[in-house]
């Protein structure tokens, strides 16, 4: 290890170039935050950082000593640095160390965390450049097979460097786990995302971060409308959502949001079908878009239909980091839908491929601490049932249901019985067109059952209805009454 004069002489803190000055300031801020956390007896806030992440030798050495205290389970103090023989004889170093004691104008955790991610990204970029440079030098005098092996090794290392954990701690002592539980419990109302439906929230209590939610259904059952309802509801609560619309274009998706906003404003004449057909006057559309923009929704859209699950996870992580740098957080990631996510080139069964997708999305939910909502098609078995009552879906109707059932924390089935009466004369239909059931088929932390809602598919609007709503038309109710068993006569 160099002496302190060497440390200061080569310190990037002394370099005047803009890039290095910014880098030095970021590293300095992170060290100050970590030092204050350590002096307060708190756990290591950024476990993904190592001393090698710091370009400044002085800060690298300070961080190494702080980590030694963490590893030993001892409380860190600046005094332990001041007494270190490496720092004792240099007044400039001593002044810097003493300044750590009086850090009153510290950045908050989210800002410090975003800076730590900057350091991590800079470190990984430098490592990747070094690996590629070394590979190019190594393959010059190598045979084809040697070069290929070296490339494979390099590629594996580079692939691992592309991913960086967003969670700052994954292993806790039991006491730390209890403290986290208590903090989460006391902030319960802030952390959960309401579904916007009181009847559904009674079952779920809202969506919890770290959970994978699967919404399954046959075509025209309202899966996408239900998803849009959830996204808008979350945005109105101040949450940020990244929506991967893999099946629809920008126009098809946004027209649904615009029609929903107009429905809530009381304008029933503007539906998304007319918008997608471009049969609405320009001035009306301009006003509709202006009203939608006024809502300031925290929603981000991606329409790339070629994305693999790895692409989705990478882009979600990038958006989470981007929001962190602005003091915000990504709360929800939505994917519409499972079966059209691009598969990799590996030769394996459809079940294995979909299992890989659901597994990675579940890990994404935990890694980013977000709610992940995944739409999925149901298989055709449900269509074979003749009675509408028997067409209500269950877990076995999910395509490749094994992996979904294993990975999903919650499985919901929007179900509109009126969709099976399209060929029936309007006067003889049993169910109202605006009636929807939401079947809670799996709920890892609570009850399962069926909730009821009203829906307006032209405006993608789903809203609460009364608990005793049976969804029946007048004809359906009369028919149901006529089938009731007559009261038995009492024999005296």
Protein backbone atom coordinates (compact mmCIF):
# COMPACT_ATOMS: atom_id res chain seq x y z
CA UNK A 1 0.00 0.00 0.00
CA UNK A 2 1.36 3.47 -0.92
CA UNK A 3 2.00 5.99 1.83
CA UNK A 4 -0.35 8.91 2.28
CA UNK A 5 1.77 11.25 0.13
CA UNK A 6 1.40 8.87 -2.79
CA UNK A 7 -2.31 8.66 -2.12
CA UNK A 8 -2.74 12.40 -2.28
CA UNK A 9 -0.32 12.86 -5.15
CA UNK A 10 -2.30 10.52 -7.41
CA UNK A 11 -5.71 11.47 -6.04
CA UNK A 12 -8.34 12.23 -8.63
CA UNK A 13 -9.57 14.95 -6.26
CA UNK A 14 -6.64 17.06 -7.47
CA UNK A 15 -7.38 16.62 -11.20
CA UNK A 16 -8.96 19.65 -12.87
CA UNK A 17 -10.75 18.08 -15.87
CA UNK A 18 -14.54 18.42 -15.78
CA UNK A 19 -15.27 14.70 -15.94
CA UNK A 20 -12.84 13.81 -13.17
CA UNK A 21 -14.02 16.70 -11.00
CA UNK A 22 -17.61 15.52 -11.27
CA UNK A 23 -16.54 11.94 -10.60
CA UNK A 24 -14.53 13.07 -7.56
CA UNK A 25 -17.49 15.04 -6.17
CA UNK A 26 -19.84 12.07 -6.59
CA UNK A 27 -17.40 9.73 -4.84
CA UNK A 28 -16.84 12.29 -2.07
CA UNK A 29 -20.59 12.67 -1.45
CA UNK A 30 -21.11 8.91 -1.29
CA UNK A 31 -18.20 8.42 1.13
CA UNK A 32 -19.57 11.15 3.40
CA UNK A 33 -23.01 9.55 3.42
CA UNK A 34 -21.61 6.08 4.11
CA UNK A 35 -19.36 7.43 6.88
CA UNK A 36 -22.29 9.14 8.62
CA UNK A 37 -24.41 5.99 8.35
CA UNK A 38 -21.56 3.92 9.80
CA UNK A 39 -20.99 6.38 12.66
CA UNK A 40 -24.72 6.20 13.44
CA UNK A 41 -24.42 2.45 13.85
CA UNK A 42 -26.61 1.72 10.81
CA UNK A 43 -26.11 -1.12 8.37
CA UNK A 44 -24.06 -0.79 5.18
CA UNK A 45 -26.31 1.22 2.82
CA UNK A 46 -24.63 0.18 -0.44
CA UNK A 47 -23.45 -3.41 -0.23
CA UNK A 48 -22.87 -3.62 -3.98
CA UNK A 49 -19.95 -1.16 -3.78
CA UNK A 50 -16.40 -2.39 -3.17
CA UNK A 51 -13.29 -0.29 -2.52
CA UNK A 52 -12.29 -0.96 -6.16
CA UNK A 53 -15.30 1.11 -7.30
CA UNK A 54 -13.59 4.33 -6.14
CA UNK A 55 -11.10 5.96 -8.52
CA UNK A 56 -9.66 8.23 -5.82
CA UNK A 57 -7.04 6.30 -3.78
CA UNK A 58 -7.75 8.24 -0.57
CA UNK A 59 -11.50 7.54 -0.70
CA UNK A 60 -10.80 3.96 -1.71
CA UNK A 61 -8.71 3.47 1.45
CA UNK A 62 -11.31 5.19 3.67
CA UNK A 63 -14.05 2.98 2.26
CA UNK A 64 -11.93 -0.13 2.80
CA UNK A 65 -11.47 0.75 6.48
CA UNK A 66 -15.19 1.49 6.94
CA UNK A 67 -15.99 -1.92 5.42
CA UNK A 68 -13.57 -3.57 7.85
CA UNK A 69 -15.63 -2.15 10.71
CA UNK A 70 -18.85 -3.44 9.12
CA UNK A 71 -17.34 -6.90 8.70
CA UNK A 72 -16.17 -6.92 12.33
CA UNK A 73 -19.56 -5.77 13.57
CA UNK A 74 -17.95 -2.71 15.16
CA UNK A 75 -19.19 0.86 15.07
CA UNK A 76 -17.06 3.07 12.82
CA UNK A 77 -15.64 6.40 14.01
CA UNK A 78 -13.49 9.04 12.37
CA UNK A 79 -11.13 8.57 15.29
CA UNK A 80 -10.23 5.15 13.96
CA UNK A 81 -9.07 6.84 10.75
CA UNK A 82 -7.22 9.62 12.55
CA UNK A 83 -5.24 7.03 14.48
CA UNK A 84 -4.32 5.06 11.37
CA UNK A 85 -0.61 5.26 10.62
CA UNK A 86 -1.34 5.82 6.91
CA UNK A 87 -3.08 9.14 7.66
CA UNK A 88 -1.32 10.47 10.76
CA UNK A 89 1.43 12.60 9.26
CA UNK A 90 -0.39 14.53 6.51
CA UNK A 91 -2.34 17.66 7.53
CA UNK A 92 -4.40 17.75 4.27
CA UNK A 93 -5.65 14.21 4.88
CA UNK A 94 -6.33 15.00 8.54
CA UNK A 95 -8.41 18.04 7.59
CA UNK A 96 -10.45 15.98 5.14
CA UNK A 97 -11.05 13.27 7.75
CA UNK A 98 -12.07 15.82 10.36
CA UNK A 99 -14.55 17.31 7.89
CA UNK A 100 -16.38 13.97 7.88
CA UNK A 101 -17.43 14.67 11.48
CA UNK A 102 -19.27 17.88 10.57
CA UNK A 103 -21.31 16.64 7.58
CA UNK A 104 -24.54 18.49 8.28
CA UNK A 105 -25.53 19.19 4.67
CA UNK A 106 -25.80 15.57 3.58
CA UNK A 107 -27.83 14.28 0.66
CA UNK A 108 -30.83 12.08 1.45
CA UNK A 109 -30.68 8.34 0.95
CA UNK A 110 -32.32 8.33 -2.49
CA UNK A 111 -29.88 10.95 -3.84
CA UNK A 112 -26.89 9.20 -2.28
CA UNK A 113 -28.13 5.88 -3.67
CA UNK A 114 -28.41 7.31 -7.17
CA UNK A 115 -24.80 8.57 -6.86
CA UNK A 116 -23.72 5.11 -5.70
CA UNK A 117 -25.32 3.68 -8.84
CA UNK A 118 -23.37 6.23 -10.91
CA UNK A 119 -20.16 5.01 -9.30
CA UNK A 120 -21.17 1.41 -9.93
CA UNK A 121 -21.97 2.08 -13.60
CA UNK A 122 -18.68 3.94 -14.12
CA UNK A 123 -16.79 1.05 -12.51
CA UNK A 124 -18.54 -1.58 -14.64
CA UNK A 125 -17.93 0.40 -17.84
CA UNK A 126 -14.24 0.63 -17.01
CA UNK A 127 -14.11 -3.11 -16.25
CA UNK A 128 -15.84 -3.94 -19.55
CA UNK A 129 -13.42 -1.76 -21.51
CA UNK A 130 -10.48 -3.43 -19.77
CA UNK A 131 -11.83 -6.93 -20.50
CA UNK A 132 -12.45 -6.17 -24.19
CA UNK A 133 -9.03 -4.57 -24.57
CA UNK A 134 -7.38 -7.60 -22.97
CA UNK A 135 -9.37 -9.96 -25.20
CA UNK A 136 -8.24 -8.16 -28.36
CA UNK A 137 -4.63 -8.41 -27.22
CA UNK A 138 -4.96 -12.10 -26.28
CA UNK A 139 -6.57 -13.32 -29.51
CA UNK A 140 -3.91 -11.82 -31.79
CA UNK A 141 -1.58 -14.80 -31.43
CA UNK A 142 -4.19 -17.44 -30.53
CA UNK A 143 -5.58 -20.30 -32.56
CA UNK A 144 -9.25 -20.24 -33.57
CA UNK A 145 -10.36 -22.51 -30.73
CA UNK A 146 -8.24 -20.70 -28.15
CA UNK A 147 -9.67 -17.39 -29.32
CA UNK A 148 -13.21 -18.77 -29.12
CA UNK A 149 -12.65 -20.01 -25.56
CA UNK A 150 -11.20 -16.66 -24.53
CA UNK A 151 -14.13 -14.90 -26.16
CA UNK A 152 -16.62 -17.11 -24.27
CA UNK A 153 -14.89 -16.37 -20.96
CA UNK A 154 -14.81 -12.65 -21.72
CA UNK A 155 -18.43 -12.65 -22.86
CA UNK A 156 -19.53 -14.34 -19.64
CA UNK A 157 -17.70 -11.76 -17.51
CA UNK A 158 -19.06 -8.85 -19.57
CA UNK A 159 -22.61 -10.22 -19.35
CA UNK A 160 -22.39 -10.30 -15.56
CA UNK A 161 -21.07 -6.72 -15.51
CA UNK A 162 -24.10 -5.50 -17.48
CA UNK A 163 -26.37 -6.21 -14.51
CA UNK A 164 -26.13 -4.40 -11.21
CA UNK A 165 -28.40 -4.99 -8.21
CA UNK A 166 -30.75 -2.16 -7.33
CA UNK A 167 -31.48 -3.56 -3.90
CA UNK A 168 -28.86 -2.40 -1.42
CA UNK A 169 -29.24 -5.27 1.04
CA UNK A 170 -30.46 -8.82 0.62
CA UNK A 171 -29.24 -10.54 3.80
CA UNK A 172 -30.22 -9.34 7.27
CA UNK A 173 -29.74 -10.41 10.84
CA UNK A 174 -32.99 -11.44 12.52
CA UNK A 175 -33.13 -8.15 14.45
CA UNK A 176 -32.61 -6.17 11.23
CA UNK A 177 -35.35 -8.20 9.53
CA UNK A 178 -37.68 -7.40 12.44
CA UNK A 179 -36.88 -3.68 12.14
CA UNK A 180 -37.59 -3.76 8.39
CA UNK A 181 -40.87 -5.55 9.03
CA UNK A 182 -41.92 -2.93 11.59
CA UNK A 183 -40.96 -0.05 9.28
CA UNK A 184 -42.87 -1.62 6.39
CA UNK A 185 -45.88 -2.27 8.60
CA UNK A 186 -46.01 1.27 9.97
CA UNK A 187 -45.78 2.65 6.42
CA UNK A 188 -48.26 0.07 5.09
CA UNK A 189 -50.69 2.56 3.58
CA UNK A 190 -47.91 4.34 1.70
CA UNK A 191 -46.42 1.20 0.20
CA UNK A 192 -49.49 -0.59 -1.13
CA UNK A 193 -51.02 0.36 -4.45
CA UNK A 194 -54.81 0.39 -4.44
CA UNK A 195 -56.51 -1.38 -7.35
CA UNK A 196 -59.07 1.43 -7.54
CA UNK A 197 -61.84 -1.08 -6.78
CA UNK A 198 -62.96 -1.24 -3.15
CA UNK A 199 -64.37 -4.75 -3.54
CA UNK A 200 -61.06 -6.07 -4.91
CA UNK A 201 -58.99 -4.24 -2.31
CA UNK A 202 -60.97 -6.09 0.38
CA UNK A 203 -59.43 -9.33 -0.91
CA UNK A 204 -55.95 -8.05 -1.76
CA UNK A 205 -55.47 -5.03 0.46
CA UNK A 206 -53.89 -3.40 -2.60
CA UNK A 207 -50.83 -4.55 -4.54
CA UNK A 208 -47.61 -5.06 -2.58
CA UNK A 209 -44.17 -4.33 -4.03
CA UNK A 210 -42.11 -7.40 -4.80
CA UNK A 211 -45.17 -9.32 -6.05
CA UNK A 212 -45.90 -10.78 -9.49
CA UNK A 213 -49.55 -10.30 -10.46
CA UNK A 214 -50.92 -12.36 -13.35
CA UNK A 215 -54.14 -11.30 -15.11
CA UNK A 216 -55.51 -14.07 -17.33
CA UNK A 217 -58.46 -14.27 -19.66
CA UNK A 218 -59.83 -15.27 -23.03
CA UNK A 219 -60.02 -12.59 -25.78
CA UNK A 220 -62.59 -9.81 -25.20
CA UNK A 221 -62.86 -10.47 -21.47
CA UNK A 222 -61.35 -7.08 -20.65
CA UNK A 223 -57.75 -7.95 -19.68
CA UNK A 224 -56.23 -4.86 -21.30
CA UNK A 225 -59.05 -2.59 -20.12
CA UNK A 226 -58.54 -3.89 -16.59
CA UNK A 227 -54.77 -3.29 -16.89
CA UNK A 228 -55.31 0.29 -18.10
CA UNK A 229 -57.70 0.86 -15.18
CA UNK A 230 -54.96 -0.33 -12.77
CA UNK A 231 -52.28 1.85 -14.41
CA UNK A 232 -54.42 5.00 -14.31
CA UNK A 233 -55.50 4.26 -10.74
CA UNK A 234 -51.85 3.90 -9.68
CA UNK A 235 -50.90 7.14 -11.47
CA UNK A 236 -53.62 9.04 -9.64
CA UNK A 237 -52.12 7.79 -6.37
CA UNK A 238 -48.77 9.26 -7.41
CA UNK A 239 -47.09 5.99 -8.39
CA UNK A 240 -44.84 5.56 -11.44
CA UNK A 241 -45.56 2.80 -13.97
CA UNK A 242 -43.56 1.43 -16.91
CA UNK A 243 -45.95 -0.23 -19.38
CA UNK A 244 -44.72 -2.68 -22.04
CA UNK A 245 -47.48 -2.87 -24.64
CA UNK A 246 -46.08 -5.61 -26.87
CA UNK A 247 -49.25 -6.27 -28.86
CA UNK A 248 -50.63 -2.80 -29.60
CA UNK A 249 -49.22 0.32 -31.24
CA UNK A 250 -48.92 3.71 -29.59
CA UNK A 251 -52.16 4.89 -31.20
CA UNK A 252 -54.10 1.82 -30.10
CA UNK A 253 -52.87 2.06 -26.52
CA UNK A 254 -53.09 5.82 -26.02
CA UNK A 255 -56.59 5.96 -27.51
CA UNK A 256 -57.72 3.75 -24.64
CA UNK A 257 -56.21 6.10 -22.05
CA UNK A 258 -57.77 9.13 -23.76
CA UNK A 259 -61.23 7.52 -23.89
CA UNK A 260 -60.95 6.51 -20.22
CA UNK A 261 -60.07 10.06 -19.19
CA UNK A 262 -63.05 11.39 -21.12
CA UNK A 263 -65.37 8.85 -19.55
CA UNK A 264 -64.37 10.12 -16.13
CA UNK A 265 -64.97 13.68 -17.27
CA UNK A 266 -68.51 12.71 -18.28
CA UNK A 267 -67.93 12.65 -22.04
CA UNK A 268 -69.50 9.39 -23.20
CA UNK A 269 -69.35 10.12 -26.95
CA UNK A 270 -65.58 9.63 -27.35
CA UNK A 271 -64.64 5.96 -27.41
CA UNK A 272 -61.33 4.37 -28.30
CA UNK A 273 -62.68 2.53 -31.37
CA UNK A 274 -63.58 5.84 -33.04
CA UNK A 275 -60.16 7.22 -32.12
CA UNK A 276 -58.29 4.27 -33.65
CA UNK A 277 -60.42 4.59 -36.81
CA UNK A 278 -59.63 8.34 -36.90
CA UNK A 279 -63.33 9.11 -37.28
CA UNK A 280 -63.28 11.88 -34.65
CA UNK A 281 -62.89 15.55 -35.62
CA UNK A 282 -59.38 16.97 -35.17
CA UNK A 283 -60.46 19.66 -32.74
CA UNK A 284 -62.17 17.12 -30.47
CA UNK A 285 -59.04 14.94 -30.43
CA UNK A 286 -56.82 17.96 -29.70
CA UNK A 287 -58.99 18.88 -26.73
CA UNK A 288 -59.04 15.27 -25.53
CA UNK A 289 -55.24 15.00 -25.66
CA UNK A 290 -54.87 18.33 -23.85
CA UNK A 291 -57.14 17.09 -21.04
CA UNK A 292 -55.18 13.87 -20.80
CA UNK A 293 -51.88 15.78 -20.57
CA UNK A 294 -53.32 17.93 -17.78
CA UNK A 295 -53.55 14.81 -15.59
CA UNK A 296 -49.72 14.67 -15.43
CA UNK A 297 -49.75 10.87 -15.29
CA UNK A 298 -46.56 9.14 -14.15
CA UNK A 299 -46.76 6.56 -16.94
CA UNK A 300 -44.03 5.45 -19.36
CA UNK A 301 -44.79 3.37 -22.48
CA UNK A 302 -42.75 0.89 -24.53
CA UNK A 303 -44.17 -0.63 -27.73
CA UNK A 304 -41.25 -2.75 -28.95
CA UNK A 305 -42.76 -6.14 -29.86
CA UNK A 306 -39.32 -7.75 -30.27
CA UNK A 307 -38.33 -7.50 -26.60
CA UNK A 308 -37.16 -10.61 -24.76
CA UNK A 309 -37.71 -10.95 -21.02
CA UNK A 310 -34.06 -9.96 -20.49
CA UNK A 311 -34.68 -6.79 -22.52
CA UNK A 312 -37.73 -6.01 -20.38
CA UNK A 313 -35.79 -6.52 -17.16
CA UNK A 314 -32.88 -4.38 -18.38
CA UNK A 315 -35.12 -1.51 -19.49
CA UNK A 316 -37.08 -1.65 -16.23
CA UNK A 317 -33.81 -1.41 -14.28
CA UNK A 318 -32.67 1.53 -16.42
CA UNK A 319 -35.96 3.36 -15.82
CA UNK A 320 -35.73 2.66 -12.07
CA UNK A 321 -32.22 4.15 -11.96
CA UNK A 322 -33.30 7.15 -14.03
CA UNK A 323 -36.15 7.89 -11.62
CA UNK A 324 -33.86 7.43 -8.61
CA UNK A 325 -31.58 10.15 -9.93
CA UNK A 326 -34.56 12.50 -9.79
CA UNK A 327 -35.52 11.46 -6.27
CA UNK A 328 -38.40 9.25 -7.47
CA UNK A 329 -39.07 5.52 -7.60
CA UNK A 330 -40.44 3.04 -10.13
CA UNK A 331 -43.48 1.40 -8.54
CA UNK A 332 -45.08 -0.81 -11.18
CA UNK A 333 -44.03 -2.68 -14.35
CA UNK A 334 -46.76 -3.99 -16.67
CA UNK A 335 -46.35 -6.44 -19.57
CA UNK A 336 -49.10 -7.11 -22.13
CA UNK A 337 -48.78 -10.05 -22.63
CA UNK A 338 -46.87 -13.26 -21.69
CA UNK A 339 -47.28 -15.43 -24.80
CA UNK A 340 -45.93 -12.81 -27.24
CA UNK A 341 -42.75 -11.96 -25.34
CA UNK A 342 -39.94 -12.81 -27.75
CA UNK A 343 -38.27 -16.12 -26.90
CA UNK A 344 -34.50 -16.61 -26.97
CA UNK A 345 -32.84 -18.89 -29.50
CA UNK A 346 -32.30 -21.76 -27.09
CA UNK A 347 -33.98 -24.98 -28.13
CA UNK A 348 -36.42 -25.87 -25.39
CA UNK A 349 -40.11 -26.51 -24.89
CA UNK A 350 -42.74 -23.79 -24.77
CA UNK A 351 -43.39 -24.62 -21.13
CA UNK A 352 -39.73 -24.16 -20.22
CA UNK A 353 -39.50 -20.89 -22.18
CA UNK A 354 -42.57 -19.41 -20.48
CA UNK A 355 -41.37 -20.69 -17.11
CA UNK A 356 -38.11 -18.84 -17.67
CA UNK A 357 -40.06 -15.64 -18.40
CA UNK A 358 -42.31 -15.81 -15.33
CA UNK A 359 -39.36 -16.72 -13.13
CA UNK A 360 -37.33 -13.74 -14.33
CA UNK A 361 -40.27 -11.35 -13.95
CA UNK A 362 -40.81 -12.58 -10.40
CA UNK A 363 -37.14 -11.96 -9.63
CA UNK A 364 -37.43 -8.52 -11.25
CA UNK A 365 -40.30 -7.66 -8.89
CA UNK A 366 -38.17 -8.53 -5.87
CA UNK A 367 -34.96 -7.00 -7.21
CA UNK A 368 -36.48 -3.61 -8.05
CA UNK A 369 -39.05 -3.81 -5.23
CA UNK A 370 -41.88 -3.09 -7.68
CA UNK A 371 -45.23 -4.61 -8.56
CA UNK A 372 -45.01 -6.57 -11.83
CA UNK A 373 -48.33 -7.14 -13.64
CA UNK A 374 -48.28 -9.74 -16.41
CA UNK A 375 -51.19 -10.43 -18.74
CA UNK A 376 -51.69 -13.99 -20.03
CA UNK A 377 -53.98 -15.78 -22.42
CA UNK A 378 -56.08 -18.75 -21.29
CA UNK A 379 -56.17 -22.01 -23.19
CA UNK A 380 -59.22 -23.04 -25.27
CA UNK A 381 -60.45 -25.68 -22.85
CA UNK A 382 -62.78 -23.17 -21.21
CA UNK A 383 -64.60 -22.73 -24.55
CA UNK A 384 -65.64 -26.38 -24.60
CA UNK A 385 -68.00 -25.88 -21.67
CA UNK A 386 -71.61 -25.43 -22.79
CA UNK A 387 -72.95 -23.73 -19.66
CA UNK A 388 -71.84 -20.14 -18.98
CA UNK A 389 -71.56 -20.96 -15.29
CA UNK A 390 -68.89 -23.55 -16.14
CA UNK A 391 -66.97 -21.18 -18.43
CA UNK A 392 -65.64 -19.22 -15.47
CA UNK A 393 -61.86 -19.76 -15.64
CA UNK A 394 -59.66 -21.37 -13.03
CA UNK A 395 -55.91 -21.99 -12.67
CA UNK A 396 -55.95 -25.00 -14.97
CA UNK A 397 -57.10 -22.78 -17.86
CA UNK A 398 -53.87 -20.76 -17.85
CA UNK A 399 -51.62 -21.72 -20.73
CA UNK A 400 -48.60 -23.55 -19.36
CA UNK A 401 -50.15 -22.95 -15.92
CA UNK A 402 -47.45 -24.79 -13.94
CA UNK A 403 -44.85 -22.04 -13.97
CA UNK A 404 -47.45 -19.27 -13.59
CA UNK A 405 -49.06 -20.97 -10.62
CA UNK A 406 -45.64 -21.37 -9.02
CA UNK A 407 -44.26 -17.86 -9.66
CA UNK A 408 -47.37 -15.67 -9.37
CA UNK A 409 -48.29 -14.17 -6.00
CA UNK A 410 -51.77 -13.22 -7.23
CA UNK A 411 -53.77 -14.53 -10.19
CA UNK A 412 -56.85 -12.60 -11.36
CA UNK A 413 -59.37 -13.54 -14.05
CA UNK A 414 -61.62 -10.77 -15.43
CA UNK A 415 -64.76 -12.53 -16.68
CA UNK A 416 -67.68 -11.08 -18.67
CA UNK A 417 -70.43 -13.72 -19.07
CA UNK A 418 -72.24 -11.53 -21.63
CA UNK A 419 -69.46 -12.32 -24.13
CA UNK A 420 -70.88 -15.82 -24.47
CA UNK A 421 -74.32 -14.47 -25.47
CA UNK A 422 -73.33 -12.54 -28.59
CA UNK A 423 -75.48 -14.78 -30.78
CA UNK A 424 -78.51 -14.52 -28.49
CA UNK A 425 -81.30 -12.05 -29.23
CA UNK A 426 -80.82 -8.95 -27.06
CA UNK A 427 -84.20 -9.43 -25.32
CA UNK A 428 -83.31 -12.97 -24.26
CA UNK A 429 -79.81 -12.42 -22.87
CA UNK A 430 -79.24 -13.39 -19.24
CA UNK A 431 -76.33 -11.09 -18.40
CA UNK A 432 -75.85 -7.34 -18.74
CA UNK A 433 -73.13 -6.16 -21.11
CA UNK A 434 -71.68 -3.84 -18.43
CA UNK A 435 -71.23 -6.58 -15.82
CA UNK A 436 -67.79 -7.98 -14.98
CA UNK A 437 -66.55 -10.45 -12.43
CA UNK A 438 -62.94 -10.44 -11.22
CA UNK A 439 -62.05 -13.90 -9.98
CA UNK A 440 -59.23 -14.00 -7.42
CA UNK A 441 -57.93 -17.48 -8.24
CA UNK A 442 -54.70 -17.22 -6.25
CA UNK A 443 -53.75 -14.91 -3.42
CA UNK A 444 -50.57 -15.91 -1.63
CA UNK A 445 -51.24 -13.61 1.32
CA UNK A 446 -55.02 -13.75 1.61
CA UNK A 447 -58.40 -15.00 0.51
CA UNK A 448 -59.59 -16.14 -2.90
CA UNK A 449 -63.06 -15.54 -4.28
CA UNK A 450 -65.00 -13.43 -6.78
CA UNK A 451 -65.57 -9.68 -6.80
CA UNK A 452 -68.04 -7.81 -9.00
CA UNK A 453 -67.70 -4.63 -11.01
CA UNK A 454 -69.36 -2.57 -13.71
CA UNK A 455 -67.51 -1.89 -16.94
CA UNK A 456 -67.76 0.31 -20.02
CA UNK A 457 -65.53 -1.31 -22.63
CA UNK A 458 -65.91 1.56 -25.12
CA UNK A 459 -64.14 3.80 -22.61
CA UNK A 460 -62.00 1.15 -20.83
CA UNK A 461 -63.66 2.11 -17.58
CA UNK A 462 -64.14 -0.35 -14.70
CA UNK A 463 -65.78 0.75 -11.47
CA UNK A 464 -67.38 -0.61 -8.31
CA UNK A 465 -70.87 -2.03 -8.17
CA UNK A 466 -73.00 -3.24 -5.27
CA UNK A 467 -72.05 -6.48 -3.55
CA UNK A 468 -75.41 -8.08 -4.35
CA UNK A 469 -75.21 -7.27 -8.08
CA UNK A 470 -75.80 -10.57 -9.92
CA UNK A 471 -75.24 -9.07 -13.39
CA UNK A 472 -78.56 -10.41 -14.64
CA UNK A 473 -80.85 -8.71 -17.12
CA UNK A 474 -84.59 -8.52 -16.44
CA UNK A 475 -85.02 -11.64 -18.59
CA UNK A 476 -82.19 -13.40 -16.79
CA UNK A 477 -83.65 -12.58 -13.40
CA UNK A 478 -87.13 -13.77 -14.45
CA UNK A 479 -85.60 -16.96 -15.81
CA UNK A 480 -83.66 -17.51 -12.59
CA UNK A 481 -86.80 -16.98 -10.50
CA UNK A 482 -88.79 -19.47 -12.59
CA UNK A 483 -86.14 -22.13 -11.99
CA UNK A 484 -86.24 -21.75 -8.25
CA UNK A 485 -87.63 -24.72 -6.38
CA UNK A 486 -91.20 -23.96 -5.23
CA UNK A 487 -91.67 -23.73 -1.48
CA UNK A 488 -92.59 -26.99 0.17
CA UNK A 489 -96.06 -27.26 1.70
CA UNK A 490 -96.15 -28.04 5.39
CA UNK A 491 -98.23 -31.05 6.43
CA UNK A 492 -100.27 -30.54 9.54
